[in-house]
Amino acid sequence: MSDSSPNIYGYTGSNWREVQLDPTTYALVTIPVEQHKLHAGSSFTLNWVVADLGAATTPTDMMTLSWKTPNTTTLIHMNFAVKCADGALLKFFEGKSGGGASPTGVIQSYNRNRGNSTASTILDVAGANASKVSYDATEFTGGVTLVDTVVDASGYATAFVEGVGRAENEFVLAANTLYQISLYETGNVPGRINMSWTEYANKTA
């Protein structure tokens, strides 16, 4: 009986290619979906930092990131992390009947595959600027509050999702919908919000 490595092939639609196997166990060599999306150029990120939340006036004692999802079948699979050097109130809103007005500006998102020029389909809160998110708009009212929690009252910087598995904290966002993350703290401490997401349509066949 031969103990040589087996050969497994997959069809690409035009060619047969050998599937890579681990040489010791003959297990299939795979990578996580998120890493595949990064390699494919459909993984994006942006970061927003406020040096002194207690000194913020627009909006008062608060930093916000607000955006709109595209009206397409391409869905945004969102994770975010926040940090604050003191206890801060974190909220994540879906939809609104009020608020979301007078943003200070927009932040550019970036493709995490730096050799890929594909831009994100995410939109600013007005739906006017592609691949950008609005910062420091007024807090949403009247929508669904998906997250409402206190982030680290102990005085140490703590992330909402860092150190926890992606699957437990990922949101698949609805199409053509407004969203906002807000971080509120009256103390003179810095705050940070990081957004990280992948974009792809569900398979239909």
Protein backbone atom coordinates (compact mmCIF):
# COMPACT_ATOMS: atom_id res chain seq x y z
CA MET A 1 0.00 0.00 0.00
CA SER A 2 1.43 3.36 -1.03
CA ASP A 3 1.63 6.18 1.51
CA SER A 4 2.16 8.86 -1.11
CA SER A 5 0.22 12.10 -0.87
CA PRO A 6 -3.26 11.97 -2.43
CA ASN A 7 -4.13 14.33 -5.26
CA ILE A 8 -7.37 16.30 -5.08
CA TYR A 9 -8.48 18.64 -7.85
CA GLY A 10 -11.06 21.39 -8.10
CA TYR A 11 -12.63 22.86 -11.25
CA THR A 12 -12.47 26.63 -11.66
CA GLY A 13 -15.00 26.74 -14.46
CA SER A 14 -12.33 26.53 -17.14
CA ASN A 15 -9.43 24.56 -15.65
CA TRP A 16 -8.72 21.83 -13.13
CA ARG A 17 -6.36 22.86 -10.34
CA GLU A 18 -4.78 20.74 -7.64
CA VAL A 19 -6.07 21.50 -4.14
CA GLN A 20 -3.29 22.21 -1.64
CA LEU A 21 -2.93 19.65 1.18
CA ASP A 22 -0.95 19.76 4.41
CA PRO A 23 2.03 17.44 3.79
CA THR A 24 1.88 15.87 7.28
CA THR A 25 -1.84 15.26 7.79
CA TYR A 26 -3.20 15.57 4.22
CA ALA A 27 -5.78 18.00 5.58
CA LEU A 28 -7.12 20.64 3.19
CA VAL A 29 -5.25 23.93 3.49
CA THR A 30 -7.83 26.67 4.03
CA ILE A 31 -7.99 30.27 5.26
CA PRO A 32 -10.80 32.12 7.10
CA VAL A 33 -13.45 33.85 4.99
CA GLU A 34 -12.37 37.25 6.35
CA GLN A 35 -8.78 36.70 5.18
CA HIS A 36 -10.03 35.57 1.77
CA LYS A 37 -12.10 38.76 1.47
CA LEU A 38 -9.04 40.82 2.40
CA HIS A 39 -7.02 39.11 -0.36
CA ALA A 40 -9.92 39.66 -2.79
CA GLY A 41 -10.01 43.40 -2.03
CA SER A 42 -13.40 43.54 -0.28
CA SER A 43 -12.23 44.29 3.29
CA PHE A 44 -12.24 47.88 4.55
CA THR A 45 -11.41 49.96 7.62
CA LEU A 46 -11.41 53.46 9.07
CA ASN A 47 -10.44 55.04 12.38
CA TRP A 48 -11.60 58.17 14.25
CA VAL A 49 -9.94 59.61 17.37
CA VAL A 50 -10.99 62.53 19.59
CA ALA A 51 -8.28 63.78 21.94
CA ASP A 52 -10.64 65.17 24.62
CA LEU A 53 -14.25 63.94 24.74
CA GLY A 54 -15.12 66.23 27.65
CA ALA A 55 -14.12 69.27 25.59
CA ALA A 56 -16.18 68.25 22.55
CA THR A 57 -18.96 70.72 21.75
CA THR A 58 -20.36 69.39 18.45
CA PRO A 59 -21.97 67.20 19.67
CA THR A 60 -21.38 67.91 23.36
CA ASP A 61 -19.12 65.39 25.21
CA MET A 62 -19.55 62.93 22.37
CA MET A 63 -18.01 61.48 19.22
CA THR A 64 -20.13 59.87 16.52
CA LEU A 65 -19.67 58.05 13.23
CA SER A 66 -22.72 57.93 10.94
CA TRP A 67 -23.25 56.29 7.57
CA LYS A 68 -25.72 54.84 5.09
CA THR A 69 -25.55 51.41 3.49
CA PRO A 70 -25.95 51.13 -0.30
CA ASN A 71 -29.25 50.11 -1.87
CA THR A 72 -27.77 46.99 -3.45
CA THR A 73 -27.47 43.26 -2.81
CA THR A 74 -23.89 43.79 -1.60
CA LEU A 75 -24.13 43.58 2.19
CA ILE A 76 -21.78 45.10 4.76
CA HIS A 77 -20.55 42.71 7.46
CA MET A 78 -19.53 45.14 10.21
CA ASN A 79 -17.38 44.92 13.31
CA PHE A 80 -16.30 47.89 15.38
CA ALA A 81 -14.10 48.56 18.37
CA VAL A 82 -14.09 51.52 20.76
CA LYS A 83 -11.60 52.61 23.38
CA CYS A 84 -11.80 55.22 26.11
CA ALA A 85 -9.52 55.92 29.09
CA ASP A 86 -12.55 56.21 31.39
CA GLY A 87 -16.11 54.90 31.64
CA ALA A 88 -17.97 55.86 28.46
CA LEU A 89 -21.48 55.23 27.13
CA LEU A 90 -21.49 53.36 23.83
CA LYS A 91 -24.53 53.19 21.55
CA PHE A 92 -25.06 51.69 18.11
CA PHE A 93 -28.18 52.84 16.26
CA GLU A 94 -30.04 51.51 13.23
CA GLY A 95 -32.36 53.98 11.49
CA LYS A 96 -33.62 57.25 12.89
CA SER A 97 -36.48 59.70 12.95
CA GLY A 98 -34.26 62.57 14.16
CA GLY A 99 -30.64 63.50 14.72
CA GLY A 100 -27.77 62.72 12.41
CA ALA A 101 -27.53 66.40 11.46
CA SER A 102 -24.64 68.85 11.03
CA PRO A 103 -21.69 66.45 10.72
CA THR A 104 -18.30 68.14 11.00
CA GLY A 105 -17.03 66.29 7.94
CA VAL A 106 -16.35 62.88 6.43
CA ILE A 107 -13.66 60.24 6.93
CA GLN A 108 -12.27 58.21 4.06
CA SER A 109 -12.37 54.43 4.37
CA TYR A 110 -9.47 52.33 3.10
CA ASN A 111 -9.15 48.98 1.40
CA ARG A 112 -7.13 46.74 3.70
CA ASN A 113 -5.50 45.12 0.66
CA ARG A 114 -3.22 48.02 -0.22
CA GLY A 115 -2.56 46.64 -3.68
CA ASN A 116 -6.28 46.70 -4.55
CA SER A 117 -8.02 49.89 -5.70
CA THR A 118 -11.61 48.75 -5.04
CA ALA A 119 -13.51 51.35 -2.98
CA SER A 120 -16.10 50.59 -0.32
CA THR A 121 -19.78 50.96 -1.18
CA ILE A 122 -20.48 52.60 2.20
CA LEU A 123 -21.93 56.15 2.07
CA ASP A 124 -21.84 59.18 4.36
CA VAL A 125 -24.96 59.98 6.39
CA ALA A 126 -26.38 62.14 3.57
CA GLY A 127 -25.84 59.36 1.04
CA ALA A 128 -23.76 61.74 -1.07
CA ASN A 129 -20.15 60.56 -0.66
CA ALA A 130 -19.15 57.00 -1.51
CA SER A 131 -16.55 55.16 0.61
CA LYS A 132 -16.81 57.83 3.32
CA VAL A 133 -18.41 58.02 6.79
CA SER A 134 -19.66 61.20 8.50
CA TYR A 135 -18.12 62.18 11.81
CA ASP A 136 -19.62 64.13 14.72
CA ALA A 137 -23.19 64.39 13.46
CA THR A 138 -25.79 64.79 16.22
CA GLU A 139 -26.88 61.59 17.93
CA PHE A 140 -29.68 59.59 16.26
CA THR A 141 -33.13 59.46 17.85
CA GLY A 142 -36.15 57.30 17.15
CA GLY A 143 -34.35 54.33 15.61
CA VAL A 144 -33.44 50.89 16.92
CA THR A 145 -30.68 50.84 19.56
CA LEU A 146 -28.68 47.71 18.76
CA VAL A 147 -26.02 48.32 21.43
CA ASP A 148 -26.38 50.36 24.64
CA THR A 149 -23.59 49.68 27.13
CA VAL A 150 -20.89 51.21 29.31
CA VAL A 151 -17.34 50.73 28.10
CA ASP A 152 -14.79 50.33 30.90
CA ALA A 153 -15.61 52.25 34.04
CA SER A 154 -12.33 51.04 35.59
CA GLY A 155 -10.14 53.65 33.93
CA TYR A 156 -8.34 51.23 31.58
CA ALA A 157 -8.73 51.39 27.82
CA THR A 158 -11.03 48.57 26.80
CA ALA A 159 -12.40 47.65 23.40
CA PHE A 160 -15.97 46.59 22.73
CA VAL A 161 -14.92 43.75 20.43
CA GLU A 162 -11.13 43.48 20.58
CA GLY A 163 -10.01 40.15 21.99
CA VAL A 164 -13.39 38.56 21.28
CA GLY A 165 -14.18 36.34 18.29
CA ARG A 166 -15.39 38.20 15.23
CA ALA A 167 -18.51 36.06 14.83
CA GLU A 168 -19.89 37.02 18.25
CA ASN A 169 -19.84 40.73 17.41
CA GLU A 170 -20.41 41.00 13.67
CA PHE A 171 -23.49 42.77 12.35
CA VAL A 172 -24.74 42.13 8.80
CA LEU A 173 -26.21 45.54 8.03
CA ALA A 174 -29.49 46.04 6.18
CA ALA A 175 -29.35 47.64 2.75
CA ASN A 176 -30.30 51.31 2.24
CA THR A 177 -30.30 52.00 5.98
CA LEU A 178 -28.75 54.64 8.26
CA TYR A 179 -26.43 53.63 11.12
CA GLN A 180 -24.52 55.45 13.85
CA ILE A 181 -21.97 54.65 16.58
CA SER A 182 -21.78 57.15 19.45
CA LEU A 183 -19.36 57.34 22.38
CA TYR A 184 -20.28 59.70 25.26
CA GLU A 185 -17.98 60.75 28.12
CA THR A 186 -17.90 64.00 30.13
CA GLY A 187 -14.32 63.54 31.39
CA ASN A 188 -11.28 65.04 29.69
CA VAL A 189 -10.11 61.78 28.14
CA PRO A 190 -9.44 60.55 24.59
CA GLY A 191 -11.78 58.27 22.70
CA ARG A 192 -11.41 56.10 19.60
CA ILE A 193 -13.78 54.30 17.24
CA ASN A 194 -12.49 51.81 14.69
CA MET A 195 -14.74 50.28 12.05
CA SER A 196 -13.76 47.16 10.10
CA TRP A 197 -15.97 45.43 7.54
CA THR A 198 -16.20 43.18 4.52
CA GLU A 199 -18.60 43.53 1.60
CA TYR A 200 -20.15 40.75 -0.48
CA ALA A 201 -23.48 39.56 -1.83
CA ASN A 202 -25.12 36.35 -0.68
CA LYS A 203 -24.78 33.44 -3.06
CA THR A 204 -28.01 32.59 -4.90
CA ALA A 205 -26.93 29.37 -6.60
